[in-house]
C-alpha atoms as a PDB file:
ATOM      1  CA  MET A   1      -2.378 -30.399 -18.908  1.00  0.00           C
ATOM      2  CA  LEU A   2      -1.713 -27.612 -16.922  1.00  0.00           C
ATOM      3  CA  SER A   3       1.749 -25.960 -17.746  1.00  0.00           C
ATOM      4  CA  ILE A   4       3.799 -22.826 -17.051  1.00  0.00           C
ATOM      5  CA  THR A   5       3.218 -21.234 -20.139  1.00  0.00           C
ATOM      6  CA  LYS A   6      -0.704 -21.893 -19.413  1.00  0.00           C
ATOM      7  CA  ILE A   7      -0.337 -20.399 -16.039  1.00  0.00           C
ATOM      8  CA  ARG A   8       1.767 -17.305 -17.280  1.00  0.00           C
ATOM      9  CA  ALA A   9      -1.354 -16.695 -19.374  1.00  0.00           C
ATOM     10  CA  ILE A  10      -3.924 -16.516 -16.791  1.00  0.00           C
ATOM     11  CA  ASP A  11      -1.525 -14.446 -14.964  1.00  0.00           C
ATOM     12  CA  ALA A  12      -0.952 -12.135 -17.855  1.00  0.00           C
ATOM     13  CA  VAL A  13      -5.016 -11.909 -18.973  1.00  0.00           C
ATOM     14  CA  GLY A  14      -5.607 -11.283 -14.751  1.00  0.00           C
ATOM     15  CA  ARG A  15      -3.149  -8.660 -14.405  1.00  0.00           C
ATOM     16  CA  MET A  16      -3.926  -6.866 -17.839  1.00  0.00           C
ATOM     17  CA  ARG A  17      -7.937  -7.639 -18.348  1.00  0.00           C
ATOM     18  CA  SER A  18      -6.911  -7.911 -22.046  1.00  0.00           C
ATOM     19  CA  PHE A  19      -6.121 -10.632 -24.134  1.00  0.00           C
ATOM     20  CA  SER A  20      -3.934  -8.264 -26.678  1.00  0.00           C
ATOM     21  CA  LYS A  21      -2.277  -6.747 -23.465  1.00  0.00           C
ATOM     22  CA  ALA A  22      -1.455  -9.660 -22.068  1.00  0.00           C
ATOM     23  CA  ALA A  23      -0.055 -10.776 -25.149  1.00  0.00           C
ATOM     24  CA  LYS A  24       1.991  -7.435 -25.439  1.00  0.00           C
ATOM     25  CA  LEU A  25       3.342  -8.149 -21.314  1.00  0.00           C
ATOM     26  CA  LEU A  26       4.103 -11.476 -22.413  1.00  0.00           C
ATOM     27  CA  GLY A  27       5.877 -10.829 -25.901  1.00  0.00           C
ATOM     28  CA  VAL A  28       4.193 -13.715 -27.991  1.00  0.00           C
ATOM     29  CA  SER A  29       0.731 -13.366 -29.949  1.00  0.00           C
ATOM     30  CA  GLN A  30      -2.727 -12.595 -28.910  1.00  0.00           C
ATOM     31  CA  SER A  31      -3.970 -15.527 -30.943  1.00  0.00           C
ATOM     32  CA  ALA A  32      -1.541 -17.532 -28.565  1.00  0.00           C
ATOM     33  CA  VAL A  33      -2.488 -16.490 -25.338  1.00  0.00           C
ATOM     34  CA  SER A  34      -6.346 -17.236 -26.566  1.00  0.00           C
ATOM     35  CA  GLN A  35      -5.235 -20.793 -27.530  1.00  0.00           C
ATOM     36  CA  GLN A  36      -3.496 -21.347 -24.401  1.00  0.00           C
ATOM     37  CA  LEU A  37      -6.389 -20.532 -22.428  1.00  0.00           C
ATOM     38  CA  ARG A  38      -9.296 -21.968 -24.688  1.00  0.00           C
ATOM     39  CA  ASP A  39      -7.273 -25.291 -24.322  1.00  0.00           C
ATOM     40  CA  LEU A  40      -7.923 -25.015 -20.472  1.00  0.00           C
ATOM     41  CA  GLU A  41     -11.381 -24.157 -20.678  1.00  0.00           C
ATOM     42  CA  LYS A  42     -11.804 -27.453 -23.107  1.00  0.00           C
ATOM     43  CA  THR A  43      -9.704 -29.484 -21.020  1.00  0.00           C
ATOM     44  CA  TYR A  44     -11.278 -28.595 -17.586  1.00  0.00           C
ATOM     45  CA  HIS A  45     -14.962 -27.962 -19.025  1.00  0.00           C
ATOM     46  CA  VAL A  46     -14.731 -24.806 -17.224  1.00  0.00           C
ATOM     47  CA  LYS A  47     -15.650 -21.269 -18.196  1.00  0.00           C
ATOM     48  CA  LEU A  48     -12.695 -18.782 -16.989  1.00  0.00           C
ATOM     49  CA  PHE A  49     -13.337 -15.556 -19.080  1.00  0.00           C
ATOM     50  CA  LEU A  50     -16.050 -13.129 -20.221  1.00  0.00           C
ATOM     51  CA  ARG A  51     -15.964 -10.753 -23.038  1.00  0.00           C
ATOM     52  CA  ARG A  52     -17.498  -7.416 -22.189  1.00  0.00           C
ATOM     53  CA  GLY A  53     -16.418  -5.331 -25.194  1.00  0.00           C
ATOM     54  CA  ASN A  54     -12.601  -4.634 -25.340  1.00  0.00           C
ATOM     55  CA  ARG A  55     -12.404  -5.893 -21.857  1.00  0.00           C
ATOM     56  CA  ILE A  56     -11.880  -9.118 -20.336  1.00  0.00           C
ATOM     57  CA  GLU A  57     -13.772 -10.239 -17.118  1.00  0.00           C
ATOM     58  CA  LEU A  58     -12.603 -13.154 -14.961  1.00  0.00           C
ATOM     59  CA  THR A  59     -15.348 -15.457 -13.439  1.00  0.00           C
ATOM     60  CA  PRO A  60     -15.085 -16.359 -10.010  1.00  0.00           C
ATOM     61  CA  LEU A  61     -13.004 -19.380 -10.567  1.00  0.00           C
ATOM     62  CA  ALA A  62     -10.731 -17.590 -13.134  1.00  0.00           C
ATOM     63  CA  GLU A  63     -10.255 -14.856 -10.139  1.00  0.00           C
ATOM     64  CA  GLU A  64      -9.094 -17.869  -7.794  1.00  0.00           C
ATOM     65  CA  ILE A  65      -6.699 -19.392 -10.061  1.00  0.00           C
ATOM     66  CA  TRP A  66      -5.108 -16.331 -10.910  1.00  0.00           C
ATOM     67  CA  LYS A  67      -4.611 -15.640  -7.187  1.00  0.00           C
ATOM     68  CA  LYS A  68      -2.524 -18.924  -7.376  1.00  0.00           C
ATOM     69  CA  SER A  69      -0.863 -18.395 -10.286  1.00  0.00           C
ATOM     70  CA  CYS A  70       0.621 -15.413  -9.096  1.00  0.00           C
ATOM     71  CA  VAL A  71       1.878 -16.786  -6.282  1.00  0.00           C
ATOM     72  CA  VAL A  72       2.956 -20.292  -8.085  1.00  0.00           C
ATOM     73  CA  LEU A  73       4.665 -17.875 -10.270  1.00  0.00           C
ATOM     74  CA  ALA A  74       6.244 -15.915  -7.397  1.00  0.00           C
ATOM     75  CA  TYR A  75       7.733 -18.666  -6.244  1.00  0.00           C
ATOM     76  CA  LEU A  76       8.844 -20.039  -9.287  1.00  0.00           C
ATOM     77  CA  ASN A  77      10.641 -16.459 -10.052  1.00  0.00           C
ATOM     78  CA  ASP A  78      12.255 -16.793  -6.570  1.00  0.00           C
ATOM     79  CA  LEU A  79      13.722 -20.243  -7.405  1.00  0.00           C
ATOM     80  CA  GLU A  80      14.924 -19.130 -10.909  1.00  0.00           C
ATOM     81  CA  GLY A  81      16.711 -15.830  -9.067  1.00  0.00           C
ATOM     82  CA  SER A  82      18.531 -18.313  -6.547  1.00  0.00           C
ATOM     83  CA  LEU A  83      19.712 -20.678  -9.369  1.00  0.00           C
ATOM     84  CA  THR A  84      21.087 -17.953 -11.898  1.00  0.00           C
ATOM     85  CA  SER A  85      22.726 -15.794  -9.386  1.00  0.00           C
ATOM     86  CA  GLY A  86      23.319 -17.948  -6.399  1.00  0.00           C
ATOM     87  CA  SER A  87      22.069 -14.508  -4.659  1.00  0.00           C
ATOM     88  CA  ASP A  88      19.825 -15.243  -1.618  1.00  0.00           C
ATOM     89  CA  VAL A  89      17.074 -13.140  -3.146  1.00  0.00           C
ATOM     90  CA  GLN A  90      15.473 -13.370  -6.526  1.00  0.00           C
ATOM     91  CA  THR A  91      17.070 -10.445  -8.665  1.00  0.00           C
ATOM     92  CA  ALA A  92      14.194  -9.206 -10.607  1.00  0.00           C
ATOM     93  CA  ASN A  93      11.968  -6.090  -9.593  1.00  0.00           C
ATOM     94  CA  PHE A  94      10.325  -6.021  -6.169  1.00  0.00           C
ATOM     95  CA  PRO A  95       7.016  -4.222  -6.657  1.00  0.00           C
ATOM     96  CA  ILE A  96       6.638  -2.171  -3.199  1.00  0.00           C
ATOM     97  CA  GLY A  97       3.803  -0.106  -2.154  1.00  0.00           C
ATOM     98  CA  LEU A  98       4.097   2.615   0.072  1.00  0.00           C
ATOM     99  CA  SER A  99       1.577   4.712   1.534  1.00  0.00           C
ATOM    100  CA  CYS A 100       3.789   7.259   3.145  1.00  0.00           C
ATOM    101  CA  HIS A 101       7.393   7.206   1.323  1.00  0.00           C
ATOM    102  CA  TYR A 102       8.936   9.709   3.800  1.00  0.00           C
ATOM    103  CA  LEU A 103       8.523   7.286   6.605  1.00  0.00           C
ATOM    104  CA  VAL A 104      10.258   4.261   4.909  1.00  0.00           C
ATOM    105  CA  MET A 105      13.124   5.477   2.579  1.00  0.00           C
ATOM    106  CA  GLU A 106      15.745   4.174   4.997  1.00  0.00           C
ATOM    107  CA  LEU A 107      14.392   0.966   5.063  1.00  0.00           C
ATOM    108  CA  ILE A 108      14.435   0.643   1.642  1.00  0.00           C
ATOM    109  CA  ALA A 109      18.038   2.151   1.545  1.00  0.00           C
ATOM    110  CA  ALA A 110      19.290  -0.732   3.715  1.00  0.00           C
ATOM    111  CA  PHE A 111      17.701  -3.073   1.767  1.00  0.00           C
ATOM    112  CA  LEU A 112      19.294  -1.835  -1.329  1.00  0.00           C
ATOM    113  CA  LYS A 113      22.426  -1.851   0.045  1.00  0.00           C
ATOM    114  CA  ARG A 114      22.333  -5.346   1.712  1.00  0.00           C
ATOM    115  CA  PHE A 115      20.716  -6.536  -1.722  1.00  0.00           C
ATOM    116  CA  PRO A 116      22.227  -4.129  -4.588  1.00  0.00           C
ATOM    117  CA  GLU A 117      20.857  -6.593  -7.243  1.00  0.00           C
ATOM    118  CA  VAL A 118      17.492  -6.321  -6.654  1.00  0.00           C
ATOM    119  CA  THR A 119      15.584  -2.842  -8.324  1.00  0.00           C
ATOM    120  CA  VAL A 120      12.569  -1.636  -6.378  1.00  0.00           C
ATOM    121  CA  ASP A 121       9.418  -0.670  -8.193  1.00  0.00           C
ATOM    122  CA  SER A 122       7.980   1.372  -5.986  1.00  0.00           C
ATOM    123  CA  HIS A 123       4.184   2.136  -6.206  1.00  0.00           C
ATOM    124  CA  ILE A 124       3.088   5.612  -4.232  1.00  0.00           C
ATOM    125  CA  GLY A 125      -0.690   5.058  -3.081  1.00  0.00           C
ATOM    126  CA  ASP A 126      -3.223   5.483  -0.320  1.00  0.00           C
ATOM    127  CA  SER A 127      -3.789   2.319   2.034  1.00  0.00           C
ATOM    128  CA  VAL A 128      -6.796   1.225   1.065  1.00  0.00           C
ATOM    129  CA  ASP A 129      -5.891   0.737  -2.952  1.00  0.00           C
ATOM    130  CA  LEU A 130      -2.297  -0.579  -1.531  1.00  0.00           C
ATOM    131  CA  ILE A 131      -4.133  -3.502   0.331  1.00  0.00           C
ATOM    132  CA  ASP A 132      -6.506  -4.259  -2.694  1.00  0.00           C
ATOM    133  CA  GLN A 133      -2.851  -4.466  -5.041  1.00  0.00           C
ATOM    134  CA  VAL A 134      -1.486  -6.594  -2.404  1.00  0.00           C
ATOM    135  CA  LEU A 135      -4.569  -8.951  -2.356  1.00  0.00           C
ATOM    136  CA  SER A 136      -5.096  -9.078  -6.036  1.00  0.00           C
ATOM    137  CA  GLY A 137      -1.206  -9.991  -6.335  1.00  0.00           C
ATOM    138  CA  GLN A 138      -0.286  -6.962  -8.539  1.00  0.00           C
ATOM    139  CA  ILE A 139       2.568  -6.051  -5.775  1.00  0.00           C
ATOM    140  CA  ASP A 140       4.564  -8.202  -3.463  1.00  0.00           C
ATOM    141  CA  VAL A 141       4.629  -5.674  -0.209  1.00  0.00           C
ATOM    142  CA  ALA A 142       3.099  -2.867   0.917  1.00  0.00           C
ATOM    143  CA  VAL A 143       3.715  -0.376   4.125  1.00  0.00           C
ATOM    144  CA  ILE A 144       0.514   1.072   4.692  1.00  0.00           C
ATOM    145  CA  THR A 145      -1.141   3.344   7.285  1.00  0.00           C
ATOM    146  CA  ALA A 146      -3.402   1.523   9.718  1.00  0.00           C
ATOM    147  CA  HIS A 147      -5.036   1.045  13.565  1.00  0.00           C
ATOM    148  CA  GLU A 148      -5.163  -2.561  12.599  1.00  0.00           C
ATOM    149  CA  VAL A 149      -4.408  -4.823   9.296  1.00  0.00           C
ATOM    150  CA  ASP A 150      -6.986  -7.042   7.187  1.00  0.00           C
ATOM    151  CA  SER A 151      -6.750 -10.569   8.742  1.00  0.00           C
ATOM    152  CA  ARG A 152      -6.235 -12.121   5.413  1.00  0.00           C
ATOM    153  CA  LEU A 153      -2.765 -10.148   5.643  1.00  0.00           C
ATOM    154  CA  HIS A 154       0.556 -11.223   6.877  1.00  0.00           C
ATOM    155  CA  SER A 155       2.031  -8.093   8.698  1.00  0.00           C
ATOM    156  CA  LYS A 156       4.419  -6.317  10.982  1.00  0.00           C
ATOM    157  CA  LEU A 157       4.485  -3.383  12.733  1.00  0.00           C
ATOM    158  CA  TYR A 158       7.359  -1.080  11.461  1.00  0.00           C
ATOM    159  CA  THR A 159       6.765   1.971  13.685  1.00  0.00           C
ATOM    160  CA  ARG A 160       4.001   4.052  15.066  1.00  0.00           C
ATOM    161  CA  GLN A 161       3.369   7.910  14.368  1.00  0.00           C
ATOM    162  CA  ARG A 162       1.020  10.529  15.973  1.00  0.00           C
ATOM    163  CA  ILE A 163      -1.188  12.114  14.338  1.00  0.00           C
ATOM    164  CA  VAL A 164      -0.806  15.620  14.226  1.00  0.00           C
ATOM    165  CA  ALA A 165      -3.026  18.875  13.087  1.00  0.00           C
ATOM    166  CA  LEU A 166      -1.951  20.717  10.053  1.00  0.00           C
ATOM    167  CA  VAL A 167      -3.121  24.091  10.688  1.00  0.00           C
ATOM    168  CA  ASP A 168      -2.378  27.994   8.938  1.00  0.00           C
ATOM    169  CA  SER A 169       0.141  29.692  10.430  1.00  0.00           C
ATOM    170  CA  GLN A 170      -1.213  32.852  10.545  1.00  0.00           C
ATOM    171  CA  GLY A 171      -5.092  31.309  11.638  1.00  0.00           C
ATOM    172  CA  PRO A 172      -6.108  31.541  15.465  1.00  0.00           C
ATOM    173  CA  LEU A 173      -5.768  27.469  15.853  1.00  0.00           C
ATOM    174  CA  ALA A 174      -1.860  28.498  15.368  1.00  0.00           C
ATOM    175  CA  LEU A 175      -1.512  30.007  18.670  1.00  0.00           C
ATOM    176  CA  LYS A 176      -2.209  27.245  20.464  1.00  0.00           C
ATOM    177  CA  GLN A 177       0.111  24.219  21.856  1.00  0.00           C
ATOM    178  CA  SER A 178      -1.813  21.884  20.913  1.00  0.00           C
ATOM    179  CA  LEU A 179      -5.382  20.865  19.936  1.00  0.00           C
ATOM    180  CA  SER A 180      -7.844  18.573  21.827  1.00  0.00           C
ATOM    181  CA  VAL A 181     -10.468  16.699  19.788  1.00  0.00           C
ATOM    182  CA  ASN A 182     -13.472  18.631  20.811  1.00  0.00           C
ATOM    183  CA  GLN A 183     -11.696  21.952  19.981  1.00  0.00           C
ATOM    184  CA  LEU A 184     -11.733  20.239  16.146  1.00  0.00           C
ATOM    185  CA  ALA A 185     -15.692  19.761  16.257  1.00  0.00           C
ATOM    186  CA  GLY A 186     -17.374  21.876  13.627  1.00  0.00           C
ATOM    187  CA  THR A 187     -14.032  23.307  12.335  1.00  0.00           C
ATOM    188  CA  PRO A 188     -13.539  22.730   8.503  1.00  0.00           C
ATOM    189  CA  MET A 189     -10.945  20.045   7.599  1.00  0.00           C
ATOM    190  CA  VAL A 190      -8.884  19.708   4.063  1.00  0.00           C
ATOM    191  CA  ALA A 191      -9.279  16.122   4.015  1.00  0.00           C
ATOM    192  CA  ARG A 192      -7.041  13.648   1.812  1.00  0.00           C
ATOM    193  CA  HIS A 193      -9.826  11.180   0.137  1.00  0.00           C
ATOM    194  CA  LYS A 194     -11.336   7.781   1.909  1.00  0.00           C
ATOM    195  CA  GLY A 195      -8.466   5.484   0.653  1.00  0.00           C
ATOM    196  CA  SER A 196      -6.096   7.202   2.994  1.00  0.00           C
ATOM    197  CA  GLY A 197      -5.166   5.178   6.278  1.00  0.00           C
ATOM    198  CA  THR A 198      -4.455   8.007   8.155  1.00  0.00           C
ATOM    199  CA  ARG A 199      -7.673   9.732   7.376  1.00  0.00           C
ATOM    200  CA  SER A 200      -9.076   6.184   8.733  1.00  0.00           C
ATOM    201  CA  VAL A 201      -7.663   6.002  11.679  1.00  0.00           C
ATOM    202  CA  PHE A 202      -8.573   9.871  12.319  1.00  0.00           C
ATOM    203  CA  GLU A 203     -11.994   9.162  11.764  1.00  0.00           C
ATOM    204  CA  GLN A 204     -12.270   6.037  13.989  1.00  0.00           C
ATOM    205  CA  LYS A 205     -10.789   8.344  17.096  1.00  0.00           C
ATOM    206  CA  LEU A 206     -13.198  10.834  16.535  1.00  0.00           C
ATOM    207  CA  ALA A 207     -16.128   8.645  16.318  1.00  0.00           C
ATOM    208  CA  LYS A 208     -15.005   6.940  19.595  1.00  0.00           C
ATOM    209  CA  GLU A 209     -15.019  10.572  21.128  1.00  0.00           C
ATOM    210  CA  GLY A 210     -18.420  11.219  19.492  1.00  0.00           C
ATOM    211  CA  VAL A 211     -16.638  14.421  17.824  1.00  0.00           C
ATOM    212  CA  GLU A 212     -18.328  15.489  14.510  1.00  0.00           C
ATOM    213  CA  TYR A 213     -16.226  17.469  11.965  1.00  0.00           C
ATOM    214  CA  ARG A 214     -17.193  19.052   8.766  1.00  0.00           C
ATOM    215  CA  ILE A 215     -14.917  18.817   5.612  1.00  0.00           C
ATOM    216  CA  ALA A 216     -14.788  21.435   3.487  1.00  0.00           C
ATOM    217  CA  LEU A 217     -12.106  20.403   0.866  1.00  0.00           C
ATOM    218  CA  GLU A 218     -11.470  16.655   0.033  1.00  0.00           C
ATOM    219  CA  THR A 219      -7.850  16.095  -2.085  1.00  0.00           C
ATOM    220  CA  ASP A 220      -5.712  13.264  -3.600  1.00  0.00           C
ATOM    221  CA  SER A 221      -2.505  15.635  -3.081  1.00  0.00           C
ATOM    222  CA  PHE A 222      -0.383  16.151   0.301  1.00  0.00           C
ATOM    223  CA  GLU A 223       0.739  18.721  -1.421  1.00  0.00           C
ATOM    224  CA  ALA A 224      -2.996  20.136  -2.443  1.00  0.00           C
ATOM    225  CA  MET A 225      -3.894  19.702   1.338  1.00  0.00           C
ATOM    226  CA  LEU A 226      -0.774  21.923   2.466  1.00  0.00           C
ATOM    227  CA  ASP A 227      -1.773  24.461  -0.130  1.00  0.00           C
ATOM    228  CA  ALA A 228      -5.415  24.712   0.777  1.00  0.00           C
ATOM    229  CA  VAL A 229      -4.380  24.314   4.827  1.00  0.00           C
ATOM    230  CA  MET A 230      -1.888  27.488   3.721  1.00  0.00           C
ATOM    231  CA  ALA A 231      -5.112  29.234   2.173  1.00  0.00           C
ATOM    232  CA  GLY A 232      -7.055  29.105   5.508  1.00  0.00           C
ATOM    233  CA  ILE A 233      -9.642  26.667   3.976  1.00  0.00           C
ATOM    234  CA  GLY A 234      -9.422  24.168   6.615  1.00  0.00           C
ATOM    235  CA  PHE A 235      -7.035  21.998   9.266  1.00  0.00           C
ATOM    236  CA  GLY A 236      -5.391  18.881   7.606  1.00  0.00           C
ATOM    237  CA  ILE A 237      -3.778  16.084   9.123  1.00  0.00           C
ATOM    238  CA  ALA A 238      -0.796  13.617   9.025  1.00  0.00           C
ATOM    239  CA  LEU A 239       1.525  11.593  10.605  1.00  0.00           C
ATOM    240  CA  GLU A 240       4.292  13.547  12.704  1.00  0.00           C
ATOM    241  CA  ASN A 241       7.737  12.385  10.886  1.00  0.00           C
ATOM    242  CA  GLU A 242       5.244  12.759   7.752  1.00  0.00           C
ATOM    243  CA  PHE A 243       5.446  16.361   7.889  1.00  0.00           C
ATOM    244  CA  ARG A 244       8.807  18.036   6.702  1.00  0.00           C
ATOM    245  CA  GLY A 245       7.926  21.440   7.449  1.00  0.00           C
ATOM    246  CA  ARG A 246       6.469  23.796   5.081  1.00  0.00           C
ATOM    247  CA  ASP A 247       6.006  27.894   5.274  1.00  0.00           C
ATOM    248  CA  GLY A 248       2.864  29.048   6.199  1.00  0.00           C
ATOM    249  CA  VAL A 249       1.653  25.591   7.967  1.00  0.00           C
ATOM    250  CA  THR A 250       2.107  24.809  12.033  1.00  0.00           C
ATOM    251  CA  ALA A 251       1.619  21.467  13.169  1.00  0.00           C
ATOM    252  CA  LEU A 252       0.309  20.620  16.444  1.00  0.00           C
ATOM    253  CA  THR A 253      -0.299  18.061  18.672  1.00  0.00           C
ATOM    254  CA  ILE A 254      -3.976  16.475  18.745  1.00  0.00           C
ATOM    255  CA  GLU A 255      -4.578  15.244  22.780  1.00  0.00           C
ATOM    256  CA  GLY A 256      -5.331  12.024  23.638  1.00  0.00           C
ATOM    257  CA  GLU A 257      -2.684   8.578  24.233  1.00  0.00           C
ATOM    258  CA  ASP A 258      -4.650   6.969  21.180  1.00  0.00           C
ATOM    259  CA  MET A 259      -4.354   9.230  18.433  1.00  0.00           C
ATOM    260  CA  VAL A 260      -1.647   7.321  16.972  1.00  0.00           C
ATOM    261  CA  ALA A 261      -1.254   5.082  13.862  1.00  0.00           C
ATOM    262  CA  GLY A 262       0.764   2.376  12.488  1.00  0.00           C
ATOM    263  CA  GLN A 263       3.077   1.818   9.569  1.00  0.00           C
ATOM    264  CA  TYR A 264       2.887  -2.312   8.974  1.00  0.00           C
ATOM    265  CA  VAL A 265       4.850  -3.830   6.219  1.00  0.00           C
ATOM    266  CA  VAL A 266       2.135  -6.497   4.784  1.00  0.00           C
ATOM    267  CA  CYS A 267       1.823  -8.999   2.135  1.00  0.00           C
ATOM    268  CA  LEU A 268      -0.210 -11.959   1.538  1.00  0.00           C
ATOM    269  CA  PRO A 269       0.379 -15.140   3.632  1.00  0.00           C
ATOM    270  CA  GLU A 270       1.377 -17.314   0.964  1.00  0.00           C
ATOM    271  CA  TYR A 271       4.587 -14.854  -0.080  1.00  0.00           C
ATOM    272  CA  ARG A 272       5.792 -14.509   3.568  1.00  0.00           C
ATOM    273  CA  ASP A 273       8.752 -17.368   2.820  1.00  0.00           C
ATOM    274  CA  LEU A 274      10.012 -15.791  -0.250  1.00  0.00           C
ATOM    275  CA  LYS A 275      13.399 -14.925   0.130  1.00  0.00           C
ATOM    276  CA  SER A 276      12.990 -11.259  -1.176  1.00  0.00           C
ATOM    277  CA  ILE A 277       9.861 -10.957   1.091  1.00  0.00           C
ATOM    278  CA  SER A 278      10.954 -12.622   4.279  1.00  0.00           C
ATOM    279  CA  ALA A 279      14.508 -10.199   4.179  1.00  0.00           C
ATOM    280  CA  PHE A 280      12.304  -7.261   3.854  1.00  0.00           C
ATOM    281  CA  PHE A 281      10.539  -7.966   6.725  1.00  0.00           C
ATOM    282  CA  ALA A 282      13.289  -9.234   8.680  1.00  0.00           C
ATOM    283  CA  LEU A 283      15.406  -6.201   7.922  1.00  0.00           C
ATOM    284  CA  ALA A 284      12.145  -3.915   8.560  1.00  0.00           C
ATOM    285  CA  ALA A 285      12.121  -5.875  12.094  1.00  0.00           C
ATOM    286  CA  SER A 286      15.439  -4.989  13.087  1.00  0.00           C
ATOM    287  CA  LEU A 287      15.507  -1.494  11.895  1.00  0.00           C
ATOM    288  CA  GLY A 288      11.667  -0.405  12.857  1.00  0.00           C
ATOM    289  CA  VAL A 289      12.134   2.693  15.315  1.00  0.00           C
ATOM    290  CA  GLU A 290       9.606   4.721  17.498  1.00  0.00           C
ATOM    291  CA  LEU A 291       9.702   8.310  15.217  1.00  0.00           C
ATOM    292  CA  THR A 292       7.683  10.068  17.302  1.00  0.00           C
ATOM    293  CA  PRO A 293       8.825  10.879  20.968  1.00  0.00           C
ATOM    294  CA  HIS A 294       5.302  11.519  22.237  1.00  0.00           C
ATOM    295  CA  SER A 295       3.700   7.577  21.537  1.00  0.00           C
ATOM    296  CA  THR A 296       3.486   5.210  24.405  1.00  0.00           C
ATOM    297  CA  GLU A 297       3.477   2.219  22.439  1.00  0.00           C
ATOM    298  CA  GLU A 298       6.419   0.238  20.906  1.00  0.00           C
ATOM    299  CA  SER A 299       7.362  -0.550  17.336  1.00  0.00           C
ATOM    300  CA  LEU A 300       9.139  -4.024  16.739  1.00  0.00           C
END
């Protein structure tokens, strides 16, 4: 029989990919977790898990069940929070992924002011990675940078930002008021790695114009990118309001009406009616603003 205990065991193993780590997460013995899952496999005559050394792999069936278990447990927590606190939102942690945290701290502050009983558990990362975490149920909601959103996700536009070029203040490009995409052709670039949503949008725009560019250095850190730009290695890119200023680095507008990236709030469609998530989306809708004065497109 499928019980909440077994669903929690599936969820824990799906998250941790280890029986011992799943047991620690649940606060029970490893044998208890193993027994729960063996009972499921025996009852329904299915294979859910494959051992690969010390790591557990989920079969395709188990992956499907795990994703559904995430939804079941999310709604259970939502229900339990309402019953125990009488609150409009659950009192548990609120896991959220942020691709450009500078742009959404006002939104998070407003959310916490309205719902002080909630603890926001933020995960800073690249948009591609955050999308994967939302799709796998590891985080409830994310604010990502994109040109358009994966159709598997429920999304709302929060704001749009122009993409700007970051250049060495002592270099020749800093003498210009703005740059055309053609002026970037062949110019060395300091790029965030390919998981960056801003980079993805930028590459799409340049490909559309038939402009090729050369990456001199890849980095997974925004600060490291600024250091490299200041050292004269190449130009970098950022969302306009993401760049807060830095000695030795100058931000230049890249000409073109479509050199714009959106910041989207996303979640699984199955989660959209959870109280905490629907409240966050509603607040984002009310606070969504056009942060860049150059953009011709409107936010929410």
